[in-house]
Amino acid sequence: GHTLVIPKKEIDYIFDLEDDIFSELHLFSKKVAKKLIKA
């Protein structure tokens, strides 16, 4: 179930992401995590 979550925008370092993309990446990850814990 180990899953990788990535932005489609190609940025190497996570803390170089724009704030909105950084926040949205974590919210997207949260949705995926909820599926993982059920599966």
All heavy atoms as atom14 arrays in JSON, in Angstrom:
{
  "sequence": "GHTLVIPKKEIDYIFDLEDDIFSELHLFSKKVAKKLIKA",
  "atom14_mask": [
    [1, 1, 1, 1, 0, 0, 0, 0, 0, 0, 0, 0, 0, 0],
    [1, 1, 1, 1, 1, 1, 1, 1, 1, 1, 0, 0, 0, 0],
    [1, 1, 1, 1, 1, 1, 1, 0, 0, 0, 0, 0, 0, 0],
    [1, 1, 1, 1, 1, 1, 1, 1, 0, 0, 0, 0, 0, 0],
    [1, 1, 1, 1, 1, 1, 1, 0, 0, 0, 0, 0, 0, 0],
    [1, 1, 1, 1, 1, 1, 1, 1, 0, 0, 0, 0, 0, 0],
    [1, 1, 1, 1, 1, 1, 1, 0, 0, 0, 0, 0, 0, 0],
    [1, 1, 1, 1, 1, 1, 1, 1, 1, 0, 0, 0, 0, 0],
    [1, 1, 1, 1, 1, 1, 1, 1, 1, 0, 0, 0, 0, 0],
    [1, 1, 1, 1, 1, 1, 1, 1, 1, 0, 0, 0, 0, 0],
    [1, 1, 1, 1, 1, 1, 1, 1, 0, 0, 0, 0, 0, 0],
    [1, 1, 1, 1, 1, 1, 1, 1, 0, 0, 0, 0, 0, 0],
    [1, 1, 1, 1, 1, 1, 1, 1, 1, 1, 1, 1, 0, 0],
    [1, 1, 1, 1, 1, 1, 1, 1, 0, 0, 0, 0, 0, 0],
    [1, 1, 1, 1, 1, 1, 1, 1, 1, 1, 1, 0, 0, 0],
    [1, 1, 1, 1, 1, 1, 1, 1, 0, 0, 0, 0, 0, 0],
    [1, 1, 1, 1, 1, 1, 1, 1, 0, 0, 0, 0, 0, 0],
    [1, 1, 1, 1, 1, 1, 1, 1, 1, 0, 0, 0, 0, 0],
    [1, 1, 1, 1, 1, 1, 1, 1, 0, 0, 0, 0, 0, 0],
    [1, 1, 1, 1, 1, 1, 1, 1, 0, 0, 0, 0, 0, 0],
    [1, 1, 1, 1, 1, 1, 1, 1, 0, 0, 0, 0, 0, 0],
    [1, 1, 1, 1, 1, 1, 1, 1, 1, 1, 1, 0, 0, 0],
    [1, 1, 1, 1, 1, 1, 0, 0, 0, 0, 0, 0, 0, 0],
    [1, 1, 1, 1, 1, 1, 1, 1, 1, 0, 0, 0, 0, 0],
    [1, 1, 1, 1, 1, 1, 1, 1, 0, 0, 0, 0, 0, 0],
    [1, 1, 1, 1, 1, 1, 1, 1, 1, 1, 0, 0, 0, 0],
    [1, 1, 1, 1, 1, 1, 1, 1, 0, 0, 0, 0, 0, 0],
    [1, 1, 1, 1, 1, 1, 1, 1, 1, 1, 1, 0, 0, 0],
    [1, 1, 1, 1, 1, 1, 0, 0, 0, 0, 0, 0, 0, 0],
    [1, 1, 1, 1, 1, 1, 1, 1, 1, 0, 0, 0, 0, 0],
    [1, 1, 1, 1, 1, 1, 1, 1, 1, 0, 0, 0, 0, 0],
    [1, 1, 1, 1, 1, 1, 1, 0, 0, 0, 0, 0, 0, 0],
    [1, 1, 1, 1, 1, 0, 0, 0, 0, 0, 0, 0, 0, 0],
    [1, 1, 1, 1, 1, 1, 1, 1, 1, 0, 0, 0, 0, 0],
    [1, 1, 1, 1, 1, 1, 1, 1, 1, 0, 0, 0, 0, 0],
    [1, 1, 1, 1, 1, 1, 1, 1, 0, 0, 0, 0, 0, 0],
    [1, 1, 1, 1, 1, 1, 1, 1, 0, 0, 0, 0, 0, 0],
    [1, 1, 1, 1, 1, 1, 1, 1, 1, 0, 0, 0, 0, 0],
    [1, 1, 1, 1, 1, 0, 0, 0, 0, 0, 0, 0, 0, 0]
  ],
  "atom14_positions": [
    [[0.8, -1.21, 0.0], [0.0, 0.0, 0.0], [0.84, 1.27, 0.0], [0.31, 2.36, -0.16], [0.0, 0.0, 0.0], [0.0, 0.0, 0.0], [0.0, 0.0, 0.0], [0.0, 0.0, 0.0], [0.0, 0.0, 0.0], [0.0, 0.0, 0.0], [0.0, 0.0, 0.0], [0.0, 0.0, 0.0], [0.0, 0.0, 0.0], [0.0, 0.0, 0.0]],
    [[2.16, 1.13, 0.16], [3.08, 2.29, 0.14], [2.83, 3.06, -1.15], [2.96, 2.54, -2.25], [4.51, 1.76, 0.21], [5.57, 2.81, 0.25], [6.86, 2.51, 0.61], [5.58, 4.13, -0.03], [7.6, 3.59, 0.55], [6.84, 4.6, 0.15], [0.0, 0.0, 0.0], [0.0, 0.0, 0.0], [0.0, 0.0, 0.0], [0.0, 0.0, 0.0]],
    [[2.45, 4.31, -0.99], [2.05, 5.15, -2.12], [2.87, 6.42, -2.14], [3.2, 6.99, -1.11], [0.55, 5.49, -1.99], [-0.2, 4.26, -2.02], [0.07, 6.4, -3.1], [0.0, 0.0, 0.0], [0.0, 0.0, 0.0], [0.0, 0.0, 0.0], [0.0, 0.0, 0.0], [0.0, 0.0, 0.0], [0.0, 0.0, 0.0], [0.0, 0.0, 0.0]],
    [[3.21, 6.87, -3.34], [3.92, 8.13, -3.54], [2.93, 9.15, -4.07], [2.15, 8.85, -4.97], [5.06, 7.94, -4.54], [6.12, 6.92, -4.12], [7.07, 6.64, -5.28], [6.88, 7.41, -2.92], [0.0, 0.0, 0.0], [0.0, 0.0, 0.0], [0.0, 0.0, 0.0], [0.0, 0.0, 0.0], [0.0, 0.0, 0.0], [0.0, 0.0, 0.0]],
    [[2.98, 10.34, -3.52], [2.1, 11.43, -3.94], [2.99, 12.56, -4.44], [3.9, 13.0, -3.73], [1.21, 11.92, -2.78], [0.24, 12.98, -3.29], [0.45, 10.75, -2.16], [0.0, 0.0, 0.0], [0.0, 0.0, 0.0], [0.0, 0.0, 0.0], [0.0, 0.0, 0.0], [0.0, 0.0, 0.0], [0.0, 0.0, 0.0], [0.0, 0.0, 0.0]],
    [[2.73, 13.01, -5.65], [3.59, 14.03, -6.28], [2.76, 15.15, -6.89], [1.64, 14.93, -7.34], [4.49, 13.41, -7.38], [3.66, 12.83, -8.53], [5.41, 12.36, -6.79], [4.48, 12.36, -9.71], [0.0, 0.0, 0.0], [0.0, 0.0, 0.0], [0.0, 0.0, 0.0], [0.0, 0.0, 0.0], [0.0, 0.0, 0.0], [0.0, 0.0, 0.0]],
    [[3.33, 16.34, -6.9], [2.72, 17.4, -7.7], [3.09, 17.17, -9.16], [4.17, 16.64, -9.46], [3.36, 18.67, -7.16], [4.69, 18.23, -6.67], [4.52, 16.82, -6.19], [0.0, 0.0, 0.0], [0.0, 0.0, 0.0], [0.0, 0.0, 0.0], [0.0, 0.0, 0.0], [0.0, 0.0, 0.0], [0.0, 0.0, 0.0], [0.0, 0.0, 0.0]],
    [[2.23, 17.53, -10.06], [2.58, 17.4, -11.48], [3.58, 18.46, -11.9], [4.33, 18.26, -12.85], [1.32, 17.44, -12.35], [0.48, 16.18, -12.19], [-0.71, 16.18, -13.1], [-1.46, 14.87, -12.98], [-2.67, 14.85, -13.82], [0.0, 0.0, 0.0], [0.0, 0.0, 0.0], [0.0, 0.0, 0.0], [0.0, 0.0, 0.0], [0.0, 0.0, 0.0]],
    [[3.61, 19.55, -11.16], [4.61, 20.58, -11.4], [5.95, 20.04, -10.92], [6.07, 19.57, -9.79], [4.25, 21.87, -10.67], [5.21, 22.99, -10.93], [4.74, 24.29, -10.31], [5.69, 25.4, -10.7], [5.21, 26.69, -10.24], [0.0, 0.0, 0.0], [0.0, 0.0, 0.0], [0.0, 0.0, 0.0], [0.0, 0.0, 0.0], [0.0, 0.0, 0.0]],
    [[6.95, 20.12, -11.77], [8.26, 19.53, -11.46], [9.12, 20.49, -10.64], [9.7, 21.43, -11.18], [8.97, 19.13, -12.76], [9.97, 18.06, -12.56], [10.39, 17.4, -13.86], [9.83, 17.75, -14.92], [11.29, 16.55, -13.81], [0.0, 0.0, 0.0], [0.0, 0.0, 0.0], [0.0, 0.0, 0.0], [0.0, 0.0, 0.0], [0.0, 0.0, 0.0]],
    [[9.15, 20.25, -9.35], [9.98, 20.99, -8.4], [10.72, 19.94, -7.59], [10.13, 18.99, -7.11], [9.11, 21.87, -7.45], [8.28, 22.88, -8.22], [9.97, 22.52, -6.39], [9.04, 24.06, -8.76], [0.0, 0.0, 0.0], [0.0, 0.0, 0.0], [0.0, 0.0, 0.0], [0.0, 0.0, 0.0], [0.0, 0.0, 0.0], [0.0, 0.0, 0.0]],
    [[12.02, 20.11, -7.41], [12.83, 19.12, -6.7], [12.54, 19.1, -5.2], [12.24, 18.07, -4.62], [14.31, 19.4, -6.96], [15.25, 18.45, -6.23], [14.8, 17.4, -5.73], [16.45, 18.77, -6.16], [0.0, 0.0, 0.0], [0.0, 0.0, 0.0], [0.0, 0.0, 0.0], [0.0, 0.0, 0.0], [0.0, 0.0, 0.0], [0.0, 0.0, 0.0]],
    [[12.61, 20.23, -4.55], [12.56, 20.31, -3.09], [11.16, 20.74, -2.64], [10.67, 21.79, -3.07], [13.62, 21.3, -2.62], [13.8, 21.41, -1.13], [13.89, 20.29, -0.31], [13.91, 22.66, -0.53], [14.07, 20.41, 1.06], [14.09, 22.8, 0.83], [14.17, 21.66, 1.62], [14.34, 21.79, 2.98], [0.0, 0.0, 0.0], [0.0, 0.0, 0.0]],
    [[10.56, 19.94, -1.8], [9.17, 20.18, -1.41], [8.95, 21.57, -0.83], [7.91, 22.19, -1.06], [8.66, 19.07, -0.45], [7.13, 19.09, -0.39], [9.32, 19.18, 0.92], [6.53, 17.84, 0.19], [0.0, 0.0, 0.0], [0.0, 0.0, 0.0], [0.0, 0.0, 0.0], [0.0, 0.0, 0.0], [0.0, 0.0, 0.0], [0.0, 0.0, 0.0]],
    [[9.92, 22.12, -0.12], [9.74, 23.44, 0.48], [9.98, 24.58, -0.51], [9.85, 25.75, -0.16], [10.61, 23.59, 1.73], [10.15, 22.69, 2.86], [10.99, 21.76, 3.41], [8.84, 22.77, 3.33], [10.57, 20.92, 4.43], [8.4, 21.94, 4.35], [9.27, 21.01, 4.9], [0.0, 0.0, 0.0], [0.0, 0.0, 0.0], [0.0, 0.0, 0.0]],
    [[10.28, 24.23, -1.77], [10.34, 25.22, -2.83], [9.0, 25.35, -3.56], [8.84, 26.23, -4.42], [11.44, 24.89, -3.84], [12.84, 25.14, -3.29], [12.97, 25.93, -2.34], [13.79, 24.54, -3.82], [0.0, 0.0, 0.0], [0.0, 0.0, 0.0], [0.0, 0.0, 0.0], [0.0, 0.0, 0.0], [0.0, 0.0, 0.0], [0.0, 0.0, 0.0]],
    [[8.03, 24.49, -3.23], [6.7, 24.6, -3.84], [6.04, 25.89, -3.39], [6.23, 26.33, -2.25], [5.82, 23.42, -3.42], [6.18, 22.04, -3.97], [5.36, 20.97, -3.25], [5.94, 21.98, -5.46], [0.0, 0.0, 0.0], [0.0, 0.0, 0.0], [0.0, 0.0, 0.0], [0.0, 0.0, 0.0], [0.0, 0.0, 0.0], [0.0, 0.0, 0.0]],
    [[5.25, 26.48, -4.28], [4.45, 27.64, -3.88], [3.51, 27.22, -2.77], [3.11, 26.06, -2.69], [3.65, 28.18, -5.07], [4.5, 28.81, -6.16], [4.57, 27.93, -7.4], [3.81, 26.96, -7.5], [5.4, 28.23, -8.27], [0.0, 0.0, 0.0], [0.0, 0.0, 0.0], [0.0, 0.0, 0.0], [0.0, 0.0, 0.0], [0.0, 0.0, 0.0]],
    [[3.15, 28.13, -1.91], [2.33, 27.81, -0.74], [1.02, 27.11, -1.1], [0.63, 26.15, -0.43], [2.02, 29.08, 0.07], [3.24, 29.62, 0.8], [4.28, 28.93, 0.85], [3.14, 30.76, 1.31], [0.0, 0.0, 0.0], [0.0, 0.0, 0.0], [0.0, 0.0, 0.0], [0.0, 0.0, 0.0], [0.0, 0.0, 0.0], [0.0, 0.0, 0.0]],
    [[0.36, 27.58, -2.15], [-0.92, 26.96, -2.5], [-0.73, 25.52, -2.98], [-1.49, 24.62, -2.59], [-1.68, 27.79, -3.53], [-0.94, 27.99, -4.84], [0.31, 27.98, -4.84], [-1.61, 28.18, -5.87], [0.0, 0.0, 0.0], [0.0, 0.0, 0.0], [0.0, 0.0, 0.0], [0.0, 0.0, 0.0], [0.0, 0.0, 0.0], [0.0, 0.0, 0.0]],
    [[0.3, 25.26, -3.77], [0.57, 23.89, -4.24], [0.99, 23.01, -3.06], [0.55, 21.86, -2.94], [1.65, 23.89, -5.34], [1.19, 24.7, -6.56], [2.03, 22.47, -5.74], [0.02, 24.12, -7.31], [0.0, 0.0, 0.0], [0.0, 0.0, 0.0], [0.0, 0.0, 0.0], [0.0, 0.0, 0.0], [0.0, 0.0, 0.0], [0.0, 0.0, 0.0]],
    [[1.82, 23.54, -2.18], [2.25, 22.81, -0.99], [1.04, 22.38, -0.15], [0.91, 21.22, 0.24], [3.2, 23.68, -0.16], [3.72, 23.03, 1.08], [4.84, 22.22, 1.04], [3.1, 23.24, 2.31], [5.33, 21.61, 2.19], [3.57, 22.64, 3.47], [4.69, 21.82, 3.41], [0.0, 0.0, 0.0], [0.0, 0.0, 0.0], [0.0, 0.0, 0.0]],
    [[0.14, 23.31, 0.09], [-1.06, 23.02, 0.89], [-1.96, 22.01, 0.18], [-2.45, 21.06, 0.8], [-1.85, 24.31, 1.15], [-1.09, 25.21, 1.89], [0.0, 0.0, 0.0], [0.0, 0.0, 0.0], [0.0, 0.0, 0.0], [0.0, 0.0, 0.0], [0.0, 0.0, 0.0], [0.0, 0.0, 0.0], [0.0, 0.0, 0.0], [0.0, 0.0, 0.0]],
    [[-2.19, 22.21, -1.09], [-3.05, 21.32, -1.86], [-2.46, 19.91, -1.95], [-3.2, 18.93, -1.94], [-3.3, 21.89, -3.25], [-4.18, 23.12, -3.24], [-4.25, 23.81, -4.6], [-4.02, 23.15, -5.63], [-4.53, 25.02, -4.63], [0.0, 0.0, 0.0], [0.0, 0.0, 0.0], [0.0, 0.0, 0.0], [0.0, 0.0, 0.0], [0.0, 0.0, 0.0]],
    [[-1.12, 19.82, -2.04], [-0.46, 18.51, -2.07], [-0.78, 17.73, -0.78], [-1.08, 16.54, -0.82], [1.05, 18.68, -2.23], [1.9, 17.42, -2.14], [1.59, 16.46, -3.29], [3.39, 17.79, -2.15], [0.0, 0.0, 0.0], [0.0, 0.0, 0.0], [0.0, 0.0, 0.0], [0.0, 0.0, 0.0], [0.0, 0.0, 0.0], [0.0, 0.0, 0.0]],
    [[-0.74, 18.41, 0.34], [-1.04, 17.75, 1.6], [-2.52, 17.39, 1.72], [-2.85, 16.31, 2.25], [-0.56, 18.62, 2.77], [0.92, 18.56, 2.93], [1.79, 19.29, 2.16], [1.69, 17.82, 3.76], [3.03, 19.01, 2.51], [3.0, 18.13, 3.47], [0.0, 0.0, 0.0], [0.0, 0.0, 0.0], [0.0, 0.0, 0.0], [0.0, 0.0, 0.0]],
    [[-3.39, 18.21, 1.22], [-4.82, 17.89, 1.24], [-5.13, 16.7, 0.32], [-5.93, 15.82, 0.66], [-5.66, 19.11, 0.86], [-5.67, 20.22, 1.9], [-6.35, 21.48, 1.34], [-6.33, 19.77, 3.19], [0.0, 0.0, 0.0], [0.0, 0.0, 0.0], [0.0, 0.0, 0.0], [0.0, 0.0, 0.0], [0.0, 0.0, 0.0], [0.0, 0.0, 0.0]],
    [[-4.47, 16.67, -0.83], [-4.62, 15.54, -1.75], [-4.1, 14.26, -1.07], [-4.73, 13.2, -1.14], [-3.87, 15.84, -3.05], [-4.05, 14.81, -4.13], [-5.16, 14.84, -4.96], [-3.1, 13.82, -4.33], [-5.32, 13.9, -5.97], [-3.25, 12.87, -5.33], [-4.37, 12.91, -6.15], [0.0, 0.0, 0.0], [0.0, 0.0, 0.0], [0.0, 0.0, 0.0]],
    [[-2.96, 14.37, -0.39], [-2.37, 13.23, 0.31], [-3.31, 12.71, 1.39], [-3.42, 11.5, 1.61], [-1.03, 13.63, 0.95], [-0.09, 13.95, -0.04], [0.0, 0.0, 0.0], [0.0, 0.0, 0.0], [0.0, 0.0, 0.0], [0.0, 0.0, 0.0], [0.0, 0.0, 0.0], [0.0, 0.0, 0.0], [0.0, 0.0, 0.0], [0.0, 0.0, 0.0]],
    [[-4.0, 13.62, 2.06], [-4.95, 13.24, 3.11], [-6.07, 12.37, 2.53], [-6.45, 11.36, 3.12], [-5.53, 14.5, 3.76], [-6.51, 14.24, 4.87], [-7.0, 15.56, 5.46], [-8.04, 15.34, 6.54], [-8.5, 16.61, 7.11], [0.0, 0.0, 0.0], [0.0, 0.0, 0.0], [0.0, 0.0, 0.0], [0.0, 0.0, 0.0], [0.0, 0.0, 0.0]],
    [[-6.58, 12.74, 1.36], [-7.62, 11.94, 0.7], [-7.11, 10.55, 0.38], [-7.81, 9.55, 0.56], [-8.09, 12.64, -0.58], [-8.87, 13.9, -0.35], [-9.23, 14.55, -1.67], [-9.8, 15.93, -1.46], [-10.03, 16.63, -2.71], [0.0, 0.0, 0.0], [0.0, 0.0, 0.0], [0.0, 0.0, 0.0], [0.0, 0.0, 0.0], [0.0, 0.0, 0.0]],
    [[-5.9, 10.48, -0.13], [-5.3, 9.18, -0.47], [-5.09, 8.36, 0.79], [-5.38, 7.15, 0.83], [-3.98, 9.38, -1.25], [-3.27, 8.05, -1.48], [-4.24, 10.1, -2.58], [0.0, 0.0, 0.0], [0.0, 0.0, 0.0], [0.0, 0.0, 0.0], [0.0, 0.0, 0.0], [0.0, 0.0, 0.0], [0.0, 0.0, 0.0], [0.0, 0.0, 0.0]],
    [[-4.6, 8.99, 1.86], [-4.35, 8.28, 3.12], [-5.63, 7.66, 3.67], [-5.6, 6.55, 4.21], [-3.73, 9.23, 4.14], [0.0, 0.0, 0.0], [0.0, 0.0, 0.0], [0.0, 0.0, 0.0], [0.0, 0.0, 0.0], [0.0, 0.0, 0.0], [0.0, 0.0, 0.0], [0.0, 0.0, 0.0], [0.0, 0.0, 0.0], [0.0, 0.0, 0.0]],
    [[-6.75, 8.34, 3.52], [-8.03, 7.81, 4.01], [-8.41, 6.53, 3.26], [-8.96, 5.61, 3.84], [-9.13, 8.87, 3.9], [-8.97, 9.97, 4.94], [-10.07, 11.0, 4.83], [-9.84, 12.11, 5.82], [-10.54, 11.9, 7.07], [0.0, 0.0, 0.0], [0.0, 0.0, 0.0], [0.0, 0.0, 0.0], [0.0, 0.0, 0.0], [0.0, 0.0, 0.0]],
    [[-8.08, 6.47, 1.98], [-8.33, 5.25, 1.2], [-7.37, 4.14, 1.63], [-7.76, 2.98, 1.74], [-8.14, 5.52, -0.29], [-9.23, 6.31, -0.94], [-8.97, 6.41, -2.42], [-10.22, 6.89, -3.12], [-10.19, 6.59, -4.54], [0.0, 0.0, 0.0], [0.0, 0.0, 0.0], [0.0, 0.0, 0.0], [0.0, 0.0, 0.0], [0.0, 0.0, 0.0]],
    [[-6.11, 4.51, 1.86], [-5.11, 3.52, 2.23], [-5.45, 2.83, 3.54], [-5.31, 1.6, 3.66], [-3.72, 4.16, 2.34], [-3.06, 4.6, 1.04], [-1.71, 5.25, 1.34], [-2.89, 3.43, 0.09], [0.0, 0.0, 0.0], [0.0, 0.0, 0.0], [0.0, 0.0, 0.0], [0.0, 0.0, 0.0], [0.0, 0.0, 0.0], [0.0, 0.0, 0.0]],
    [[-5.88, 3.59, 4.53], [-6.16, 3.0, 5.84], [-7.37, 2.06, 5.79], [-7.45, 1.1, 6.55], [-6.28, 4.07, 6.94], [-5.94, 3.45, 8.3], [-7.62, 4.75, 6.92], [-5.56, 4.45, 9.36], [0.0, 0.0, 0.0], [0.0, 0.0, 0.0], [0.0, 0.0, 0.0], [0.0, 0.0, 0.0], [0.0, 0.0, 0.0], [0.0, 0.0, 0.0]],
    [[-8.29, 2.32, 4.87], [-9.41, 1.4, 4.67], [-8.96, 0.14, 3.95], [-9.39, -0.96, 4.26], [-10.52, 2.08, 3.87], [-11.31, 3.1, 4.65], [-12.39, 3.71, 3.79], [-13.11, 4.82, 4.55], [-14.07, 5.52, 3.69], [0.0, 0.0, 0.0], [0.0, 0.0, 0.0], [0.0, 0.0, 0.0], [0.0, 0.0, 0.0], [0.0, 0.0, 0.0]],
    [[-8.1, 0.31, 2.96], [-7.63, -0.82, 2.15], [-6.64, -1.7, 2.91], [-6.61, -2.92, 2.72], [-7.0, -0.32, 0.86], [0.0, 0.0, 0.0], [0.0, 0.0, 0.0], [0.0, 0.0, 0.0], [0.0, 0.0, 0.0], [0.0, 0.0, 0.0], [0.0, 0.0, 0.0], [0.0, 0.0, 0.0], [0.0, 0.0, 0.0], [0.0, 0.0, 0.0]]
  ]
}
